Amino acid sequence: GLKALIRVSKNEEVIIKRVLDMGADGIIV
């Protein structure tokens, strides 16, 4: 019941796209 956020490795197109396609609720860049 919690939100899952990802602090991505860097401000880069592929890693952001991949974690969001996994279903993350948000990103910290």
PDB file of all heavy atoms in Angstrom:
ATOM      1  N   GLY A   1       0.784  -1.228   0.000  1.00  0.00           N
ATOM      2  CA  GLY A   1       0.000   0.000   0.000  1.00  0.00           C
ATOM      3  C   GLY A   1       0.815   1.276   0.000  1.00  0.00           C
ATOM      4  O   GLY A   1       0.275   2.367   0.232  1.00  0.00           O
ATOM      5  N   LEU A   2       2.108   1.177  -0.262  1.00  0.00           N
ATOM      6  CA  LEU A   2       2.986   2.351  -0.312  1.00  0.00           C
ATOM      7  C   LEU A   2       3.305   2.705  -1.765  1.00  0.00           C
ATOM      8  O   LEU A   2       3.161   1.870  -2.670  1.00  0.00           O
ATOM      9  CB  LEU A   2       4.310   2.086   0.426  1.00  0.00           C
ATOM     10  CG  LEU A   2       4.317   2.185   1.953  1.00  0.00           C
ATOM     11  CD1 LEU A   2       3.518   1.058   2.582  1.00  0.00           C
ATOM     12  CD2 LEU A   2       5.750   2.160   2.471  1.00  0.00           C
ATOM     13  N   LYS A   3       3.767   3.922  -1.978  1.00  0.00           N
ATOM     14  CA  LYS A   3       4.224   4.342  -3.293  1.00  0.00           C
ATOM     15  C   LYS A   3       5.695   3.967  -3.457  1.00  0.00           C
ATOM     16  O   LYS A   3       6.503   4.127  -2.536  1.00  0.00           O
ATOM     17  CB  LYS A   3       4.043   5.844  -3.497  1.00  0.00           C
ATOM     18  CG  LYS A   3       2.603   6.318  -3.421  1.00  0.00           C
ATOM     19  CD  LYS A   3       1.735   5.655  -4.474  1.00  0.00           C
ATOM     20  CE  LYS A   3       0.306   6.179  -4.440  1.00  0.00           C
ATOM     21  NZ  LYS A   3      -0.552   5.460  -5.411  1.00  0.00           N
ATOM     22  N   ALA A   4       6.027   3.480  -4.640  1.00  0.00           N
ATOM     23  CA  ALA A   4       7.392   3.073  -4.951  1.00  0.00           C
ATOM     24  C   ALA A   4       8.045   4.112  -5.856  1.00  0.00           C
ATOM     25  O   ALA A   4       7.624   4.296  -7.005  1.00  0.00           O
ATOM     26  CB  ALA A   4       7.397   1.709  -5.631  1.00  0.00           C
ATOM     27  N   LEU A   5       9.046   4.799  -5.316  1.00  0.00           N
ATOM     28  CA  LEU A   5       9.801   5.782  -6.088  1.00  0.00           C
ATOM     29  C   LEU A   5      11.194   5.224  -6.362  1.00  0.00           C
ATOM     30  O   LEU A   5      11.727   4.449  -5.576  1.00  0.00           O
ATOM     31  CB  LEU A   5       9.920   7.106  -5.329  1.00  0.00           C
ATOM     32  CG  LEU A   5       8.622   7.720  -4.807  1.00  0.00           C
ATOM     33  CD1 LEU A   5       8.919   9.029  -4.078  1.00  0.00           C
ATOM     34  CD2 LEU A   5       7.625   7.948  -5.927  1.00  0.00           C
ATOM     35  N   ILE A   6      11.781   5.634  -7.470  1.00  0.00           N
ATOM     36  CA  ILE A   6      13.126   5.197  -7.824  1.00  0.00           C
ATOM     37  C   ILE A   6      14.039   6.404  -7.898  1.00  0.00           C
ATOM     38  O   ILE A   6      13.750   7.356  -8.636  1.00  0.00           O
ATOM     39  CB  ILE A   6      13.161   4.467  -9.191  1.00  0.00           C
ATOM     40  CG1 ILE A   6      12.051   3.438  -9.300  1.00  0.00           C
ATOM     41  CG2 ILE A   6      14.541   3.853  -9.420  1.00  0.00           C
ATOM     42  CD1 ILE A   6      12.140   2.283  -8.365  1.00  0.00           C
ATOM     43  N   ARG A   7      15.151   6.361  -7.136  1.00  0.00           N
ATOM     44  CA  ARG A   7      16.204   7.357  -7.380  1.00  0.00           C
ATOM     45  C   ARG A   7      17.089   6.733  -8.458  1.00  0.00           C
ATOM     46  O   ARG A   7      17.840   5.805  -8.213  1.00  0.00           O
ATOM     47  CB  ARG A   7      17.004   7.639  -6.102  1.00  0.00           C
ATOM     48  CG  ARG A   7      17.747   8.996  -6.163  1.00  0.00           C
ATOM     49  CD  ARG A   7      19.167   8.895  -6.580  1.00  0.00           C
ATOM     50  NE  ARG A   7      19.974   8.266  -5.553  1.00  0.00           N
ATOM     51  CZ  ARG A   7      20.562   8.925  -4.526  1.00  0.00           C
ATOM     52  NH1 ARG A   7      20.446  10.220  -4.397  1.00  0.00           N
ATOM     53  NH2 ARG A   7      21.300   8.252  -3.650  1.00  0.00           N
ATOM     54  N   VAL A   8      16.913   7.256  -9.684  1.00  0.00           N
ATOM     55  CA  VAL A   8      17.601   6.668 -10.830  1.00  0.00           C
ATOM     56  C   VAL A   8      19.095   6.955 -10.761  1.00  0.00           C
ATOM     57  O   VAL A   8      19.553   7.821 -10.004  1.00  0.00           O
ATOM     58  CB  VAL A   8      16.998   7.164 -12.160  1.00  0.00           C
ATOM     59  CG1 VAL A   8      15.581   6.646 -12.326  1.00  0.00           C
ATOM     60  CG2 VAL A   8      17.040   8.680 -12.272  1.00  0.00           C
ATOM     61  N   SER A   9      19.858   6.237 -11.573  1.00  0.00           N
ATOM     62  CA  SER A   9      21.311   6.365 -11.527  1.00  0.00           C
ATOM     63  C   SER A   9      21.790   7.693 -12.098  1.00  0.00           C
ATOM     64  O   SER A   9      22.805   8.233 -11.658  1.00  0.00           O
ATOM     65  CB  SER A   9      21.966   5.203 -12.273  1.00  0.00           C
ATOM     66  OG  SER A   9      21.386   5.031 -13.555  1.00  0.00           O
ATOM     67  N   LYS A  10      21.058   8.224 -13.067  1.00  0.00           N
ATOM     68  CA  LYS A  10      21.391   9.533 -13.622  1.00  0.00           C
ATOM     69  C   LYS A  10      20.215  10.035 -14.455  1.00  0.00           C
ATOM     70  O   LYS A  10      19.251   9.302 -14.703  1.00  0.00           O
ATOM     71  CB  LYS A  10      22.673   9.483 -14.458  1.00  0.00           C
ATOM     72  CG  LYS A  10      22.619   8.566 -15.666  1.00  0.00           C
ATOM     73  CD  LYS A  10      23.946   8.634 -16.424  1.00  0.00           C
ATOM     74  CE  LYS A  10      23.934   7.702 -17.633  1.00  0.00           C
ATOM     75  NZ  LYS A  10      25.198   7.823 -18.409  1.00  0.00           N
ATOM     76  N   ASN A  11      20.326  11.266 -14.899  1.00  0.00           N
ATOM     77  CA  ASN A  11      19.276  11.891 -15.707  1.00  0.00           C
ATOM     78  C   ASN A  11      19.453  11.442 -17.158  1.00  0.00           C
ATOM     79  O   ASN A  11      19.986  12.155 -17.991  1.00  0.00           O
ATOM     80  CB  ASN A  11      19.384  13.417 -15.593  1.00  0.00           C
ATOM     81  CG  ASN A  11      18.185  14.127 -16.195  1.00  0.00           C
ATOM     82  OD1 ASN A  11      17.195  13.504 -16.572  1.00  0.00           O
ATOM     83  ND2 ASN A  11      18.268  15.448 -16.271  1.00  0.00           N
ATOM     84  N   GLU A  12      18.978  10.205 -17.404  1.00  0.00           N
ATOM     85  CA  GLU A  12      19.236   9.571 -18.689  1.00  0.00           C
ATOM     86  C   GLU A  12      17.973   8.875 -19.188  1.00  0.00           C
ATOM     87  O   GLU A  12      17.239   8.271 -18.404  1.00  0.00           O
ATOM     88  CB  GLU A  12      20.399   8.586 -18.528  1.00  0.00           C
ATOM     89  CG  GLU A  12      20.968   8.035 -19.802  1.00  0.00           C
ATOM     90  CD  GLU A  12      20.309   6.725 -20.196  1.00  0.00           C
ATOM     91  OE1 GLU A  12      19.841   5.998 -19.294  1.00  0.00           O
ATOM     92  OE2 GLU A  12      20.253   6.442 -21.401  1.00  0.00           O
ATOM     93  N   GLU A  13      17.725   8.974 -20.479  1.00  0.00           N
ATOM     94  CA  GLU A  13      16.459   8.549 -21.054  1.00  0.00           C
ATOM     95  C   GLU A  13      16.140   7.073 -20.817  1.00  0.00           C
ATOM     96  O   GLU A  13      15.021   6.737 -20.398  1.00  0.00           O
ATOM     97  CB  GLU A  13      16.478   8.824 -22.560  1.00  0.00           C
ATOM     98  CG  GLU A  13      15.214   8.425 -23.284  1.00  0.00           C
ATOM     99  CD  GLU A  13      15.267   8.755 -24.759  1.00  0.00           C
ATOM    100  OE1 GLU A  13      16.340   9.167 -25.242  1.00  0.00           O
ATOM    101  OE2 GLU A  13      14.235   8.591 -25.430  1.00  0.00           O
ATOM    102  N   VAL A  14      17.083   6.193 -21.051  1.00  0.00           N
ATOM    103  CA  VAL A  14      16.783   4.759 -21.027  1.00  0.00           C
ATOM    104  C   VAL A  14      16.466   4.265 -19.619  1.00  0.00           C
ATOM    105  O   VAL A  14      15.486   3.553 -19.410  1.00  0.00           O
ATOM    106  CB  VAL A  14      17.941   3.948 -21.646  1.00  0.00           C
ATOM    107  CG1 VAL A  14      17.685   2.450 -21.482  1.00  0.00           C
ATOM    108  CG2 VAL A  14      18.105   4.297 -23.122  1.00  0.00           C
ATOM    109  N   ILE A  15      17.271   4.655 -18.630  1.00  0.00           N
ATOM    110  CA  ILE A  15      17.022   4.158 -17.275  1.00  0.00           C
ATOM    111  C   ILE A  15      15.699   4.690 -16.730  1.00  0.00           C
ATOM    112  O   ILE A  15      14.955   3.971 -16.056  1.00  0.00           O
ATOM    113  CB  ILE A  15      18.199   4.493 -16.322  1.00  0.00           C
ATOM    114  CG1 ILE A  15      18.015   3.759 -14.987  1.00  0.00           C
ATOM    115  CG2 ILE A  15      18.330   5.992 -16.094  1.00  0.00           C
ATOM    116  CD1 ILE A  15      17.982   2.251 -15.102  1.00  0.00           C
ATOM    117  N   ILE A  16      15.367   5.939 -17.027  1.00  0.00           N
ATOM    118  CA  ILE A  16      14.083   6.494 -16.574  1.00  0.00           C
ATOM    119  C   ILE A  16      12.925   5.751 -17.225  1.00  0.00           C
ATOM    120  O   ILE A  16      11.956   5.360 -16.562  1.00  0.00           O
ATOM    121  CB  ILE A  16      14.016   8.006 -16.856  1.00  0.00           C
ATOM    122  CG1 ILE A  16      14.983   8.755 -15.929  1.00  0.00           C
ATOM    123  CG2 ILE A  16      12.589   8.533 -16.700  1.00  0.00           C
ATOM    124  CD1 ILE A  16      15.100  10.233 -16.210  1.00  0.00           C
ATOM    125  N   LYS A  17      13.028   5.519 -18.518  1.00  0.00           N
ATOM    126  CA  LYS A  17      11.974   4.802 -19.241  1.00  0.00           C
ATOM    127  C   LYS A  17      11.794   3.391 -18.696  1.00  0.00           C
ATOM    128  O   LYS A  17      10.661   2.921 -18.495  1.00  0.00           O
ATOM    129  CB  LYS A  17      12.331   4.765 -20.725  1.00  0.00           C
ATOM    130  CG  LYS A  17      11.412   3.950 -21.600  1.00  0.00           C
ATOM    131  CD  LYS A  17      11.704   4.179 -23.083  1.00  0.00           C
ATOM    132  CE  LYS A  17      13.166   3.949 -23.412  1.00  0.00           C
ATOM    133  NZ  LYS A  17      13.429   4.186 -24.856  1.00  0.00           N
ATOM    134  N   ARG A  18      12.887   2.713 -18.403  1.00  0.00           N
ATOM    135  CA  ARG A  18      12.798   1.320 -17.967  1.00  0.00           C
ATOM    136  C   ARG A  18      12.154   1.192 -16.586  1.00  0.00           C
ATOM    137  O   ARG A  18      11.285   0.332 -16.372  1.00  0.00           O
ATOM    138  CB  ARG A  18      14.190   0.675 -17.978  1.00  0.00           C
ATOM    139  CG  ARG A  18      14.744   0.508 -19.364  1.00  0.00           C
ATOM    140  CD  ARG A  18      16.089  -0.215 -19.354  1.00  0.00           C
ATOM    141  NE  ARG A  18      15.923  -1.658 -19.124  1.00  0.00           N
ATOM    142  CZ  ARG A  18      16.941  -2.513 -19.091  1.00  0.00           C
ATOM    143  NH1 ARG A  18      18.178  -2.077 -19.269  1.00  0.00           N
ATOM    144  NH2 ARG A  18      16.720  -3.800 -18.884  1.00  0.00           N
ATOM    145  N   VAL A  19      12.549   2.042 -15.630  1.00  0.00           N
ATOM    146  CA  VAL A  19      11.957   1.904 -14.290  1.00  0.00           C
ATOM    147  C   VAL A  19      10.495   2.328 -14.285  1.00  0.00           C
ATOM    148  O   VAL A  19       9.680   1.774 -13.528  1.00  0.00           O
ATOM    149  CB  VAL A  19      12.760   2.667 -13.212  1.00  0.00           C
ATOM    150  CG1 VAL A  19      14.188   2.139 -13.132  1.00  0.00           C
ATOM    151  CG2 VAL A  19      12.752   4.167 -13.431  1.00  0.00           C
ATOM    152  N   LEU A  20      10.132   3.294 -15.129  1.00  0.00           N
ATOM    153  CA  LEU A  20       8.722   3.683 -15.210  1.00  0.00           C
ATOM    154  C   LEU A  20       7.897   2.591 -15.878  1.00  0.00           C
ATOM    155  O   LEU A  20       6.765   2.316 -15.463  1.00  0.00           O
ATOM    156  CB  LEU A  20       8.571   5.016 -15.949  1.00  0.00           C
ATOM    157  CG  LEU A  20       9.104   6.239 -15.203  1.00  0.00           C
ATOM    158  CD1 LEU A  20       8.919   7.500 -16.032  1.00  0.00           C
ATOM    159  CD2 LEU A  20       8.422   6.401 -13.844  1.00  0.00           C
ATOM    160  N   ASP A  21       8.451   1.948 -16.905  1.00  0.00           N
ATOM    161  CA  ASP A  21       7.727   0.845 -17.535  1.00  0.00           C
ATOM    162  C   ASP A  21       7.583  -0.350 -16.590  1.00  0.00           C
ATOM    163  O   ASP A  21       6.683  -1.172 -16.762  1.00  0.00           O
ATOM    164  CB  ASP A  21       8.430   0.415 -18.824  1.00  0.00           C
ATOM    165  CG  ASP A  21       8.185   1.376 -19.978  1.00  0.00           C
ATOM    166  OD1 ASP A  21       7.264   2.199 -19.875  1.00  0.00           O
ATOM    167  OD2 ASP A  21       8.924   1.307 -20.982  1.00  0.00           O
ATOM    168  N   MET A  22       8.452  -0.436 -15.595  1.00  0.00           N
ATOM    169  CA  MET A  22       8.295  -1.472 -14.562  1.00  0.00           C
ATOM    170  C   MET A  22       7.134  -1.165 -13.616  1.00  0.00           C
ATOM    171  O   MET A  22       6.733  -2.021 -12.838  1.00  0.00           O
ATOM    172  CB  MET A  22       9.585  -1.594 -13.740  1.00  0.00           C
ATOM    173  CG  MET A  22      10.735  -2.197 -14.479  1.00  0.00           C
ATOM    174  SD  MET A  22      12.205  -2.216 -13.414  1.00  0.00           S
ATOM    175  CE  MET A  22      13.484  -2.541 -14.624  1.00  0.00           C
ATOM    176  N   GLY A  23       6.646   0.073 -13.652  1.00  0.00           N
ATOM    177  CA  GLY A  23       5.490   0.420 -12.830  1.00  0.00           C
ATOM    178  C   GLY A  23       5.778   1.315 -11.647  1.00  0.00           C
ATOM    179  O   GLY A  23       4.937   1.444 -10.752  1.00  0.00           O
ATOM    180  N   ALA A  24       6.956   1.952 -11.611  1.00  0.00           N
ATOM    181  CA  ALA A  24       7.258   2.870 -10.514  1.00  0.00           C
ATOM    182  C   ALA A  24       6.238   4.005 -10.465  1.00  0.00           C
ATOM    183  O   ALA A  24       5.744   4.464 -11.502  1.00  0.00           O
ATOM    184  CB  ALA A  24       8.661   3.446 -10.677  1.00  0.00           C
ATOM    185  N   ASP A  25       5.954   4.459  -9.247  1.00  0.00           N
ATOM    186  CA  ASP A  25       4.999   5.561  -9.060  1.00  0.00           C
ATOM    187  C   ASP A  25       5.645   6.920  -9.298  1.00  0.00           C
ATOM    188  O   ASP A  25       4.933   7.922  -9.433  1.00  0.00           O
ATOM    189  CB  ASP A  25       4.433   5.523  -7.644  1.00  0.00           C
ATOM    190  CG  ASP A  25       3.609   4.271  -7.403  1.00  0.00           C
ATOM    191  OD1 ASP A  25       2.554   4.133  -8.051  1.00  0.00           O
ATOM    192  OD2 ASP A  25       4.020   3.429  -6.580  1.00  0.00           O
ATOM    193  N   GLY A  26       6.960   6.952  -9.328  1.00  0.00           N
ATOM    194  CA  GLY A  26       7.636   8.224  -9.564  1.00  0.00           C
ATOM    195  C   GLY A  26       9.138   8.040  -9.577  1.00  0.00           C
ATOM    196  O   GLY A  26       9.654   6.956  -9.290  1.00  0.00           O
ATOM    197  N   ILE A  27       9.829   9.109  -9.919  1.00  0.00           N
ATOM    198  CA  ILE A  27      11.283   9.080  -9.987  1.00  0.00           C
ATOM    199  C   ILE A  27      11.867  10.273  -9.238  1.00  0.00           C
ATOM    200  O   ILE A  27      11.253  11.345  -9.164  1.00  0.00           O
ATOM    201  CB  ILE A  27      11.798   9.102 -11.444  1.00  0.00           C
ATOM    202  CG1 ILE A  27      11.155  10.258 -12.244  1.00  0.00           C
ATOM    203  CG2 ILE A  27      11.569   7.763 -12.121  1.00  0.00           C
ATOM    204  CD1 ILE A  27      11.729  10.453 -13.633  1.00  0.00           C
ATOM    205  N   ILE A  28      13.036  10.045  -8.662  1.00  0.00           N
ATOM    206  CA  ILE A  28      13.862  11.121  -8.129  1.00  0.00           C
ATOM    207  C   ILE A  28      15.103  11.164  -9.006  1.00  0.00           C
ATOM    208  O   ILE A  28      15.823  10.158  -9.115  1.00  0.00           O
ATOM    209  CB  ILE A  28      14.225  10.880  -6.658  1.00  0.00           C
ATOM    210  CG1 ILE A  28      12.955  10.917  -5.795  1.00  0.00           C
ATOM    211  CG2 ILE A  28      15.237  11.916  -6.165  1.00  0.00           C
ATOM    212  CD1 ILE A  28      13.193  10.629  -4.329  1.00  0.00           C
ATOM    213  N   VAL A  29      15.334  12.293  -9.637  1.00  0.00           N
ATOM    214  CA  VAL A  29      16.402  12.406 -10.632  1.00  0.00           C
ATOM    215  C   VAL A  29      17.563  13.180 -10.027  1.00  0.00           C
ATOM    216  O   VAL A  29      17.410  14.338  -9.650  1.00  0.00           O
ATOM    217  CB  VAL A  29      15.903  13.088 -11.915  1.00  0.00           C
ATOM    218  CG1 VAL A  29      16.999  13.072 -12.980  1.00  0.00           C
ATOM    219  CG2 VAL A  29      14.647  12.386 -12.445  1.00  0.00           C
TER     220      VAL A  29
END
